[in-house]
Amino acid sequence: MRGGGDPYFDSLPDCVECPPKWISEMRWQSIEAPPGVAPPRPITVRAQSIPARHSFPEHKHDWNQMTYAIAGVLTVAVERRTLVISPEQAVWLPTGLVHRVGSLLGAEFRSLWIAQEAGRGLPESPTVFAVSPLLKTLIVEAAEIAGHEDHDGYSGRVTSLILDQLRRARPLPGALPWPKGESPLTVLCEALYADPADPRGPKAWGRELGMSERTLARRFEDEVGMSFSHWRRRLRLFKAIELLGGGLDVTRTALTLGYGSTSAFVYAFRNEMGRSPQAYMRRRSVPGERGATVVSVRKGQS
């Protein structure tokens, strides 16, 4: 069974069109949830490190879940879609929804299990939303005090604030879309995520994956929902916010993403986000500011 028994890759076809290196490059391993985690009353915080290329097996819960990582990037598969989210974002998963969560490069997972009654008023379908600095701080605090006696009601107040912040969270149009695990396009997307400065275009990638440029373009539209060039712009924007948020300066971020100059990066960032990288990061650091979508693309760009 491929992928260490992970269904993410079990459906890879045995055919000559799938070179062995694809399988080795795409192979992930399963990771189990820690034992003894109590059902939510009304909230349970799951804190766990996810190693690179590991995922939880496909499963569902009898409660709601907020899927989030305080560091690193998560891959969330739900309802025939696969999304990649940064620490700026979280995914709301209603009760009973089958899903799978993992990380390509590793992440500090902080999942909130939320009882059905406590989740009233929250979305009834999977939703990506922005995580404000206050919500992130509350999640970290909830993980720190989990399991401690709540003599003075402090834990209850933190829980109430988390639920209040979730109801105020701003839904986002989406996250970084991702091809399904069995697709050869996953190899392409993982390679560009690891090295966004990779200069190869559709023609070169078509040769690498054993398909024509036209076939690659068609499959990208069908499986990812946008053109290859559009997706690459989103990826660079996604990575830019991740790198800037991690403390990398604008010049080194531009070089890491493959821009020829800092000014070219600043222009591209401003064109997508409506402000310069510096202004965007300053706004994020202001208390009370809500997180902005990292996937907005201005009309006419595709």
C-alpha atoms as a PDB file:
ATOM      1  CA  MET A   1       0.000   0.000   0.000  1.00  0.00           C
ATOM      2  CA  ARG A   2       1.510   3.307  -1.046  1.00  0.00           C
ATOM      3  CA  GLY A   3       2.197   6.276   1.243  1.00  0.00           C
ATOM      4  CA  GLY A   4       2.489   4.218   4.417  1.00  0.00           C
ATOM      5  CA  GLY A   5      -1.230   3.374   4.284  1.00  0.00           C
ATOM      6  CA  ASP A   6      -2.354   6.996   3.862  1.00  0.00           C
ATOM      7  CA  PRO A   7      -5.443   7.092   1.578  1.00  0.00           C
ATOM      8  CA  TYR A   8      -4.109  10.416   0.257  1.00  0.00           C
ATOM      9  CA  PHE A   9      -1.920   8.384  -2.106  1.00  0.00           C
ATOM     10  CA  ASP A  10      -3.521   4.934  -2.132  1.00  0.00           C
ATOM     11  CA  SER A  11      -5.349   5.698  -5.371  1.00  0.00           C
ATOM     12  CA  LEU A  12      -2.229   6.435  -7.412  1.00  0.00           C
ATOM     13  CA  PRO A  13      -2.603   4.398 -10.608  1.00  0.00           C
ATOM     14  CA  ASP A  14      -0.082   1.747 -11.586  1.00  0.00           C
ATOM     15  CA  CYS A  15       0.677   2.927 -15.106  1.00  0.00           C
ATOM     16  CA  VAL A  16       3.604   3.850 -17.317  1.00  0.00           C
ATOM     17  CA  GLU A  17       2.513   7.503 -17.296  1.00  0.00           C
ATOM     18  CA  CYS A  18       3.443   7.725 -13.597  1.00  0.00           C
ATOM     19  CA  PRO A  19       7.258   7.657 -13.274  1.00  0.00           C
ATOM     20  CA  PRO A  20       8.482   6.119  -9.988  1.00  0.00           C
ATOM     21  CA  LYS A  21       9.999   9.432  -8.861  1.00  0.00           C
ATOM     22  CA  TRP A  22       6.531  10.969  -8.718  1.00  0.00           C
ATOM     23  CA  ILE A  23       5.477   8.384  -6.168  1.00  0.00           C
ATOM     24  CA  SER A  24       8.577   8.888  -4.025  1.00  0.00           C
ATOM     25  CA  GLU A  25       8.236  12.669  -4.213  1.00  0.00           C
ATOM     26  CA  MET A  26       4.536  12.548  -3.273  1.00  0.00           C
ATOM     27  CA  ARG A  27       4.721   9.963  -0.488  1.00  0.00           C
ATOM     28  CA  TRP A  28       3.372  11.100   2.872  1.00  0.00           C
ATOM     29  CA  GLN A  29       3.116   9.251   6.180  1.00  0.00           C
ATOM     30  CA  SER A  30       0.204   8.931   8.580  1.00  0.00           C
ATOM     31  CA  ILE A  31       0.194  10.556  12.004  1.00  0.00           C
ATOM     32  CA  GLU A  32      -2.182   9.702  14.821  1.00  0.00           C
ATOM     33  CA  ALA A  33      -3.962  12.066  17.184  1.00  0.00           C
ATOM     34  CA  PRO A  34      -2.753  11.910  20.794  1.00  0.00           C
ATOM     35  CA  PRO A  35      -4.786   9.441  22.874  1.00  0.00           C
ATOM     36  CA  GLY A  36      -7.186  10.449  25.602  1.00  0.00           C
ATOM     37  CA  VAL A  37      -8.267  13.825  24.211  1.00  0.00           C
ATOM     38  CA  ALA A  38     -11.631  14.622  25.785  1.00  0.00           C
ATOM     39  CA  PRO A  39     -14.697  15.610  23.736  1.00  0.00           C
ATOM     40  CA  PRO A  40     -15.415  19.361  23.852  1.00  0.00           C
ATOM     41  CA  ARG A  41     -17.330  20.795  26.848  1.00  0.00           C
ATOM     42  CA  PRO A  42     -17.696  23.229  25.185  1.00  0.00           C
ATOM     43  CA  ILE A  43     -14.147  23.516  23.717  1.00  0.00           C
ATOM     44  CA  THR A  44     -11.145  21.189  23.579  1.00  0.00           C
ATOM     45  CA  VAL A  45      -7.800  22.458  22.277  1.00  0.00           C
ATOM     46  CA  ARG A  46      -5.659  19.972  20.359  1.00  0.00           C
ATOM     47  CA  ALA A  47      -1.963  20.930  20.381  1.00  0.00           C
ATOM     48  CA  GLN A  48       0.327  18.766  18.284  1.00  0.00           C
ATOM     49  CA  SER A  49       3.396  19.087  16.059  1.00  0.00           C
ATOM     50  CA  ILE A  50       2.881  17.712  12.553  1.00  0.00           C
ATOM     51  CA  PRO A  51       6.143  16.595  10.903  1.00  0.00           C
ATOM     52  CA  ALA A  52       6.801  17.390   7.254  1.00  0.00           C
ATOM     53  CA  ARG A  53       4.831  15.236   4.799  1.00  0.00           C
ATOM     54  CA  HIS A  54       2.566  13.775   7.465  1.00  0.00           C
ATOM     55  CA  SER A  55      -1.227  13.796   7.639  1.00  0.00           C
ATOM     56  CA  PHE A  56      -4.001  12.489   9.855  1.00  0.00           C
ATOM     57  CA  PRO A  57      -6.071   9.735   8.220  1.00  0.00           C
ATOM     58  CA  GLU A  58      -9.411  10.769   6.768  1.00  0.00           C
ATOM     59  CA  HIS A  59     -11.978  11.045   9.578  1.00  0.00           C
ATOM     60  CA  LYS A  60     -14.939  12.981  10.978  1.00  0.00           C
ATOM     61  CA  HIS A  61     -16.141  14.183  14.401  1.00  0.00           C
ATOM     62  CA  ASP A  62     -19.369  14.435  16.365  1.00  0.00           C
ATOM     63  CA  TRP A  63     -18.534  18.095  16.954  1.00  0.00           C
ATOM     64  CA  ASN A  64     -17.334  21.164  15.050  1.00  0.00           C
ATOM     65  CA  GLN A  65     -13.651  21.798  14.417  1.00  0.00           C
ATOM     66  CA  MET A  66     -11.534  24.855  13.718  1.00  0.00           C
ATOM     67  CA  THR A  67      -8.412  23.675  11.886  1.00  0.00           C
ATOM     68  CA  TYR A  68      -5.467  25.991  12.494  1.00  0.00           C
ATOM     69  CA  ALA A  69      -1.685  26.133  12.921  1.00  0.00           C
ATOM     70  CA  ILE A  70       0.140  28.833  14.869  1.00  0.00           C
ATOM     71  CA  ALA A  71       3.242  28.163  12.747  1.00  0.00           C
ATOM     72  CA  GLY A  72       3.748  26.404   9.444  1.00  0.00           C
ATOM     73  CA  VAL A  73       1.259  25.660   6.707  1.00  0.00           C
ATOM     74  CA  LEU A  74      -1.581  23.119   6.713  1.00  0.00           C
ATOM     75  CA  THR A  75      -3.101  21.133   3.863  1.00  0.00           C
ATOM     76  CA  VAL A  76      -6.824  20.541   4.394  1.00  0.00           C
ATOM     77  CA  ALA A  77      -8.792  18.126   2.197  1.00  0.00           C
ATOM     78  CA  VAL A  78     -12.572  18.445   2.451  1.00  0.00           C
ATOM     79  CA  GLU A  79     -15.523  17.998   0.082  1.00  0.00           C
ATOM     80  CA  ARG A  80     -13.422  17.066  -2.961  1.00  0.00           C
ATOM     81  CA  ARG A  81     -11.231  20.146  -2.469  1.00  0.00           C
ATOM     82  CA  THR A  82      -7.719  20.476  -1.129  1.00  0.00           C
ATOM     83  CA  LEU A  83      -6.641  23.826   0.325  1.00  0.00           C
ATOM     84  CA  VAL A  84      -3.426  25.163   1.783  1.00  0.00           C
ATOM     85  CA  ILE A  85      -3.742  27.630   4.665  1.00  0.00           C
ATOM     86  CA  SER A  86      -1.200  29.785   6.473  1.00  0.00           C
ATOM     87  CA  PRO A  87      -1.223  30.957  10.130  1.00  0.00           C
ATOM     88  CA  GLU A  88      -3.221  33.937   8.833  1.00  0.00           C
ATOM     89  CA  GLN A  89      -6.107  31.585   8.097  1.00  0.00           C
ATOM     90  CA  ALA A  90      -8.182  28.774   9.558  1.00  0.00           C
ATOM     91  CA  VAL A  91     -10.785  26.355   8.211  1.00  0.00           C
ATOM     92  CA  TRP A  92     -14.124  25.847   9.954  1.00  0.00           C
ATOM     93  CA  LEU A  93     -15.362  22.247   9.646  1.00  0.00           C
ATOM     94  CA  PRO A  94     -18.960  21.608  10.769  1.00  0.00           C
ATOM     95  CA  THR A  95     -19.978  18.490  12.681  1.00  0.00           C
ATOM     96  CA  GLY A  96     -19.806  15.217  10.765  1.00  0.00           C
ATOM     97  CA  LEU A  97     -17.808  16.485   7.803  1.00  0.00           C
ATOM     98  CA  VAL A  98     -15.206  14.024   6.494  1.00  0.00           C
ATOM     99  CA  HIS A  99     -11.787  15.686   6.235  1.00  0.00           C
ATOM    100  CA  ARG A 100      -8.049  15.125   6.269  1.00  0.00           C
ATOM    101  CA  VAL A 101      -5.348  17.477   7.589  1.00  0.00           C
ATOM    102  CA  GLY A 102      -1.599  17.375   7.058  1.00  0.00           C
ATOM    103  CA  SER A 103       1.449  19.535   6.389  1.00  0.00           C
ATOM    104  CA  LEU A 104       3.932  19.532   3.531  1.00  0.00           C
ATOM    105  CA  LEU A 105       6.784  21.193   5.451  1.00  0.00           C
ATOM    106  CA  GLY A 106       5.648  20.706   9.061  1.00  0.00           C
ATOM    107  CA  ALA A 107       3.368  22.772  11.303  1.00  0.00           C
ATOM    108  CA  GLU A 108       2.405  23.498  14.908  1.00  0.00           C
ATOM    109  CA  PHE A 109      -1.185  22.287  14.874  1.00  0.00           C
ATOM    110  CA  ARG A 110      -3.717  23.954  17.179  1.00  0.00           C
ATOM    111  CA  SER A 111      -7.142  22.530  16.507  1.00  0.00           C
ATOM    112  CA  LEU A 112     -10.270  23.608  18.358  1.00  0.00           C
ATOM    113  CA  TRP A 113     -13.012  21.050  18.906  1.00  0.00           C
ATOM    114  CA  ILE A 114     -16.248  22.902  19.579  1.00  0.00           C
ATOM    115  CA  ALA A 115     -19.451  21.298  20.844  1.00  0.00           C
ATOM    116  CA  GLN A 116     -22.530  21.499  18.659  1.00  0.00           C
ATOM    117  CA  GLU A 117     -24.433  23.765  21.042  1.00  0.00           C
ATOM    118  CA  ALA A 118     -21.476  26.157  21.443  1.00  0.00           C
ATOM    119  CA  GLY A 119     -21.080  26.351  17.663  1.00  0.00           C
ATOM    120  CA  ARG A 120     -24.568  27.709  17.049  1.00  0.00           C
ATOM    121  CA  GLY A 121     -24.483  30.710  14.740  1.00  0.00           C
ATOM    122  CA  LEU A 122     -21.263  29.579  13.061  1.00  0.00           C
ATOM    123  CA  PRO A 123     -21.159  28.415   9.404  1.00  0.00           C
ATOM    124  CA  GLU A 124     -22.952  25.206   8.417  1.00  0.00           C
ATOM    125  CA  SER A 125     -20.504  24.487   5.587  1.00  0.00           C
ATOM    126  CA  PRO A 126     -16.672  24.414   5.448  1.00  0.00           C
ATOM    127  CA  THR A 127     -15.404  27.985   5.559  1.00  0.00           C
ATOM    128  CA  VAL A 128     -11.980  29.625   5.347  1.00  0.00           C
ATOM    129  CA  PHE A 129     -11.659  32.707   7.527  1.00  0.00           C
ATOM    130  CA  ALA A 130      -9.050  35.199   8.652  1.00  0.00           C
ATOM    131  CA  VAL A 131      -7.452  34.711  12.071  1.00  0.00           C
ATOM    132  CA  SER A 132      -7.024  37.983  13.941  1.00  0.00           C
ATOM    133  CA  PRO A 133      -4.021  38.540  16.241  1.00  0.00           C
ATOM    134  CA  LEU A 134      -6.413  38.439  19.207  1.00  0.00           C
ATOM    135  CA  LEU A 135      -7.900  35.071  18.195  1.00  0.00           C
ATOM    136  CA  LYS A 136      -4.430  33.598  17.711  1.00  0.00           C
ATOM    137  CA  THR A 137      -3.385  34.806  21.175  1.00  0.00           C
ATOM    138  CA  LEU A 138      -6.537  33.339  22.729  1.00  0.00           C
ATOM    139  CA  ILE A 139      -5.913  29.951  21.067  1.00  0.00           C
ATOM    140  CA  VAL A 140      -2.334  29.884  22.361  1.00  0.00           C
ATOM    141  CA  GLU A 141      -3.563  30.787  25.849  1.00  0.00           C
ATOM    142  CA  ALA A 142      -6.296  28.141  25.761  1.00  0.00           C
ATOM    143  CA  ALA A 143      -3.695  25.502  24.882  1.00  0.00           C
ATOM    144  CA  GLU A 144      -1.474  26.659  27.765  1.00  0.00           C
ATOM    145  CA  ILE A 145      -4.191  26.428  30.419  1.00  0.00           C
ATOM    146  CA  ALA A 146      -5.831  23.247  29.091  1.00  0.00           C
ATOM    147  CA  GLY A 147      -6.222  20.645  31.839  1.00  0.00           C
ATOM    148  CA  HIS A 148      -5.741  23.130  34.695  1.00  0.00           C
ATOM    149  CA  GLU A 149      -8.356  23.651  37.382  1.00  0.00           C
ATOM    150  CA  ASP A 150     -10.555  26.668  36.614  1.00  0.00           C
ATOM    151  CA  HIS A 151     -10.964  27.978  40.161  1.00  0.00           C
ATOM    152  CA  ASP A 152     -11.694  31.604  39.254  1.00  0.00           C
ATOM    153  CA  GLY A 153     -13.505  31.124  35.931  1.00  0.00           C
ATOM    154  CA  TYR A 154     -10.563  32.350  33.832  1.00  0.00           C
ATOM    155  CA  SER A 155     -10.712  29.387  31.451  1.00  0.00           C
ATOM    156  CA  GLY A 156     -14.408  29.985  30.893  1.00  0.00           C
ATOM    157  CA  ARG A 157     -13.756  33.623  30.033  1.00  0.00           C
ATOM    158  CA  VAL A 158     -11.082  32.627  27.490  1.00  0.00           C
ATOM    159  CA  THR A 159     -13.531  30.150  25.961  1.00  0.00           C
ATOM    160  CA  SER A 160     -16.232  32.817  25.704  1.00  0.00           C
ATOM    161  CA  LEU A 161     -13.817  35.209  24.010  1.00  0.00           C
ATOM    162  CA  ILE A 162     -12.752  32.531  21.500  1.00  0.00           C
ATOM    163  CA  LEU A 163     -16.369  31.816  20.574  1.00  0.00           C
ATOM    164  CA  ASP A 164     -17.042  35.542  20.273  1.00  0.00           C
ATOM    165  CA  GLN A 165     -14.010  35.986  17.996  1.00  0.00           C
ATOM    166  CA  LEU A 166     -15.085  33.057  15.820  1.00  0.00           C
ATOM    167  CA  ARG A 167     -18.498  34.625  15.295  1.00  0.00           C
ATOM    168  CA  ARG A 168     -16.816  37.904  14.342  1.00  0.00           C
ATOM    169  CA  ALA A 169     -14.230  36.313  12.030  1.00  0.00           C
ATOM    170  CA  ARG A 170     -14.319  37.449   8.427  1.00  0.00           C
ATOM    171  CA  PRO A 171     -14.819  34.687   5.834  1.00  0.00           C
ATOM    172  CA  LEU A 172     -12.282  34.637   3.009  1.00  0.00           C
ATOM    173  CA  PRO A 173     -12.934  33.798  -0.638  1.00  0.00           C
ATOM    174  CA  GLY A 174     -10.685  30.762  -0.255  1.00  0.00           C
ATOM    175  CA  ALA A 175      -7.154  29.633   0.441  1.00  0.00           C
ATOM    176  CA  LEU A 176      -4.404  28.500  -1.888  1.00  0.00           C
ATOM    177  CA  PRO A 177      -6.057  25.760  -3.987  1.00  0.00           C
ATOM    178  CA  TRP A 178      -4.202  22.503  -4.444  1.00  0.00           C
ATOM    179  CA  PRO A 179      -4.578  19.546  -6.823  1.00  0.00           C
ATOM    180  CA  LYS A 180      -5.769  16.206  -5.522  1.00  0.00           C
ATOM    181  CA  GLY A 181      -3.151  13.867  -4.090  1.00  0.00           C
ATOM    182  CA  GLU A 182      -3.273  11.359  -6.937  1.00  0.00           C
ATOM    183  CA  SER A 183      -2.561  14.020  -9.571  1.00  0.00           C
ATOM    184  CA  PRO A 184       0.906  14.517 -11.104  1.00  0.00           C
ATOM    185  CA  LEU A 185       0.217  18.244 -10.731  1.00  0.00           C
ATOM    186  CA  THR A 186       0.834  17.750  -7.014  1.00  0.00           C
ATOM    187  CA  VAL A 187       4.523  17.251  -7.838  1.00  0.00           C
ATOM    188  CA  LEU A 188       4.571  20.582  -9.671  1.00  0.00           C
ATOM    189  CA  CYS A 189       2.804  22.468  -6.885  1.00  0.00           C
ATOM    190  CA  GLU A 190       4.965  20.973  -4.129  1.00  0.00           C
ATOM    191  CA  ALA A 191       8.140  21.838  -6.057  1.00  0.00           C
ATOM    192  CA  LEU A 192       7.064  25.456  -6.580  1.00  0.00           C
ATOM    193  CA  TYR A 193       5.932  25.767  -2.988  1.00  0.00           C
ATOM    194  CA  ALA A 194       9.376  24.599  -1.824  1.00  0.00           C
ATOM    195  CA  ASP A 195      11.145  26.858  -4.355  1.00  0.00           C
ATOM    196  CA  PRO A 196       8.861  29.664  -5.608  1.00  0.00           C
ATOM    197  CA  ALA A 197      11.832  31.096  -7.542  1.00  0.00           C
ATOM    198  CA  ASP A 198      11.838  28.033  -9.847  1.00  0.00           C
ATOM    199  CA  PRO A 199      11.701  29.653 -13.323  1.00  0.00           C
ATOM    200  CA  ARG A 200      10.186  26.705 -15.219  1.00  0.00           C
ATOM    201  CA  GLY A 201       7.016  27.510 -17.122  1.00  0.00           C
ATOM    202  CA  PRO A 202       4.194  25.303 -18.462  1.00  0.00           C
ATOM    203  CA  LYS A 203       6.250  23.972 -21.370  1.00  0.00           C
ATOM    204  CA  ALA A 204       9.163  22.833 -19.180  1.00  0.00           C
ATOM    205  CA  TRP A 205       6.839  21.393 -16.554  1.00  0.00           C
ATOM    206  CA  GLY A 206       4.885  19.586 -19.243  1.00  0.00           C
ATOM    207  CA  ARG A 207       8.083  17.849 -20.348  1.00  0.00           C
ATOM    208  CA  GLU A 208       8.913  17.015 -16.720  1.00  0.00           C
ATOM    209  CA  LEU A 209       5.500  15.451 -16.147  1.00  0.00           C
ATOM    210  CA  GLY A 210       5.226  13.713 -19.489  1.00  0.00           C
ATOM    211  CA  MET A 211       2.405  15.782 -20.988  1.00  0.00           C
ATOM    212  CA  SER A 212       2.047  18.553 -23.540  1.00  0.00           C
ATOM    213  CA  GLU A 213       1.883  22.205 -22.551  1.00  0.00           C
ATOM    214  CA  ARG A 214      -1.746  22.311 -23.677  1.00  0.00           C
ATOM    215  CA  THR A 215      -2.647  19.228 -21.621  1.00  0.00           C
ATOM    216  CA  LEU A 216      -0.954  20.667 -18.540  1.00  0.00           C
ATOM    217  CA  ALA A 217      -2.858  23.946 -18.940  1.00  0.00           C
ATOM    218  CA  ARG A 218      -6.172  22.117 -19.321  1.00  0.00           C
ATOM    219  CA  ARG A 219      -5.563  19.844 -16.337  1.00  0.00           C
ATOM    220  CA  PHE A 220      -4.516  22.790 -14.176  1.00  0.00           C
ATOM    221  CA  GLU A 221      -7.771  24.603 -14.950  1.00  0.00           C
ATOM    222  CA  ASP A 222      -9.807  21.452 -14.319  1.00  0.00           C
ATOM    223  CA  GLU A 223      -8.097  20.311 -11.102  1.00  0.00           C
ATOM    224  CA  VAL A 224      -7.043  23.572  -9.454  1.00  0.00           C
ATOM    225  CA  GLY A 225      -9.723  25.886 -10.770  1.00  0.00           C
ATOM    226  CA  MET A 226      -7.463  28.526 -12.295  1.00  0.00           C
ATOM    227  CA  SER A 227      -4.652  28.935 -14.802  1.00  0.00           C
ATOM    228  CA  PHE A 228      -1.086  27.964 -13.975  1.00  0.00           C
ATOM    229  CA  SER A 229       0.085  31.599 -14.141  1.00  0.00           C
ATOM    230  CA  HIS A 230      -2.768  32.745 -11.887  1.00  0.00           C
ATOM    231  CA  TRP A 231      -1.982  30.021  -9.341  1.00  0.00           C
ATOM    232  CA  ARG A 232       1.741  30.914  -9.369  1.00  0.00           C
ATOM    233  CA  ARG A 233       0.899  34.536  -8.569  1.00  0.00           C
ATOM    234  CA  ARG A 234      -1.273  33.407  -5.678  1.00  0.00           C
ATOM    235  CA  LEU A 235       1.473  31.112  -4.450  1.00  0.00           C
ATOM    236  CA  ARG A 236       4.020  33.933  -4.453  1.00  0.00           C
ATOM    237  CA  LEU A 237       1.613  36.195  -2.585  1.00  0.00           C
ATOM    238  CA  PHE A 238       0.873  33.420  -0.088  1.00  0.00           C
ATOM    239  CA  LYS A 239       4.594  32.792   0.438  1.00  0.00           C
ATOM    240  CA  ALA A 240       5.348  36.517   0.649  1.00  0.00           C
ATOM    241  CA  ILE A 241       2.999  36.961   3.609  1.00  0.00           C
ATOM    242  CA  GLU A 242       4.378  33.811   5.225  1.00  0.00           C
ATOM    243  CA  LEU A 243       7.995  35.024   4.833  1.00  0.00           C
ATOM    244  CA  LEU A 244       7.302  38.620   5.863  1.00  0.00           C
ATOM    245  CA  GLY A 245       5.314  37.408   8.865  1.00  0.00           C
ATOM    246  CA  GLY A 246       8.295  35.254   9.832  1.00  0.00           C
ATOM    247  CA  GLY A 247      10.558  38.315   9.969  1.00  0.00           C
ATOM    248  CA  LEU A 248      12.253  38.188   6.563  1.00  0.00           C
ATOM    249  CA  ASP A 249      12.855  41.661   5.139  1.00  0.00           C
ATOM    250  CA  VAL A 250      11.352  42.834   1.855  1.00  0.00           C
ATOM    251  CA  THR A 251      14.552  42.494  -0.197  1.00  0.00           C
ATOM    252  CA  ARG A 252      15.276  38.912   0.875  1.00  0.00           C
ATOM    253  CA  THR A 253      11.609  38.001   0.427  1.00  0.00           C
ATOM    254  CA  ALA A 254      11.720  39.330  -3.145  1.00  0.00           C
ATOM    255  CA  LEU A 255      14.830  37.290  -3.943  1.00  0.00           C
ATOM    256  CA  THR A 256      13.428  34.139  -2.316  1.00  0.00           C
ATOM    257  CA  LEU A 257      10.297  34.420  -4.459  1.00  0.00           C
ATOM    258  CA  GLY A 258      12.298  34.834  -7.661  1.00  0.00           C
ATOM    259  CA  TYR A 259      11.647  38.504  -8.418  1.00  0.00           C
ATOM    260  CA  GLY A 260      14.390  40.287 -10.351  1.00  0.00           C
ATOM    261  CA  SER A 261      14.321  43.277  -8.020  1.00  0.00           C
ATOM    262  CA  THR A 262      12.741  44.534  -4.818  1.00  0.00           C
ATOM    263  CA  SER A 263      10.772  47.128  -6.772  1.00  0.00           C
ATOM    264  CA  ALA A 264       9.250  44.412  -8.993  1.00  0.00           C
ATOM    265  CA  PHE A 265       8.115  42.516  -5.893  1.00  0.00           C
ATOM    266  CA  VAL A 266       6.693  45.638  -4.239  1.00  0.00           C
ATOM    267  CA  TYR A 267       4.790  46.476  -7.443  1.00  0.00           C
ATOM    268  CA  ALA A 268       3.338  42.968  -7.704  1.00  0.00           C
ATOM    269  CA  PHE A 269       2.396  42.895  -4.005  1.00  0.00           C
ATOM    270  CA  ARG A 270       0.739  46.321  -4.180  1.00  0.00           C
ATOM    271  CA  ASN A 271      -1.121  45.288  -7.339  1.00  0.00           C
ATOM    272  CA  GLU A 272      -2.640  42.268  -5.553  1.00  0.00           C
ATOM    273  CA  MET A 273      -3.112  43.579  -2.017  1.00  0.00           C
ATOM    274  CA  GLY A 274      -3.707  47.288  -2.593  1.00  0.00           C
ATOM    275  CA  ARG A 275      -0.773  48.364  -0.403  1.00  0.00           C
ATOM    276  CA  SER A 276       2.979  47.869  -0.152  1.00  0.00           C
ATOM    277  CA  PRO A 277       4.446  44.946   1.812  1.00  0.00           C
ATOM    278  CA  GLN A 278       5.625  47.332   4.519  1.00  0.00           C
ATOM    279  CA  ALA A 279       2.189  48.950   4.856  1.00  0.00           C
ATOM    280  CA  TYR A 280       0.501  45.558   4.916  1.00  0.00           C
ATOM    281  CA  MET A 281       2.725  44.299   7.745  1.00  0.00           C
ATOM    282  CA  ARG A 282       2.287  47.533   9.718  1.00  0.00           C
ATOM    283  CA  ARG A 283      -1.475  47.176   9.454  1.00  0.00           C
ATOM    284  CA  ARG A 284      -1.297  43.570  10.653  1.00  0.00           C
ATOM    285  CA  SER A 285       0.625  44.658  13.746  1.00  0.00           C
ATOM    286  CA  VAL A 286      -2.032  47.203  14.810  1.00  0.00           C
ATOM    287  CA  PRO A 287      -4.205  45.784  17.616  1.00  0.00           C
ATOM    288  CA  GLY A 288      -7.773  45.216  16.518  1.00  0.00           C
ATOM    289  CA  GLU A 289      -6.968  44.895  12.817  1.00  0.00           C
ATOM    290  CA  ARG A 290      -8.468  41.810  11.276  1.00  0.00           C
ATOM    291  CA  GLY A 291      -6.347  39.582   9.073  1.00  0.00           C
ATOM    292  CA  ALA A 292      -6.577  40.221   5.334  1.00  0.00           C
ATOM    293  CA  THR A 293      -7.080  37.605   2.680  1.00  0.00           C
ATOM    294  CA  VAL A 294      -3.887  36.427   1.039  1.00  0.00           C
ATOM    295  CA  VAL A 295      -5.710  35.196  -2.029  1.00  0.00           C
ATOM    296  CA  SER A 296      -7.493  38.283  -3.317  1.00  0.00           C
ATOM    297  CA  VAL A 297      -6.830  38.924  -6.991  1.00  0.00           C
ATOM    298  CA  ARG A 298      -7.976  42.099  -8.674  1.00  0.00           C
ATOM    299  CA  LYS A 299     -10.513  41.908 -11.445  1.00  0.00           C
ATOM    300  CA  GLY A 300      -9.109  41.314 -14.879  1.00  0.00           C
ATOM    301  CA  GLN A 301      -6.159  39.264 -13.622  1.00  0.00           C
ATOM    302  CA  SER A 302      -6.092  35.572 -14.344  1.00  0.00           C
END
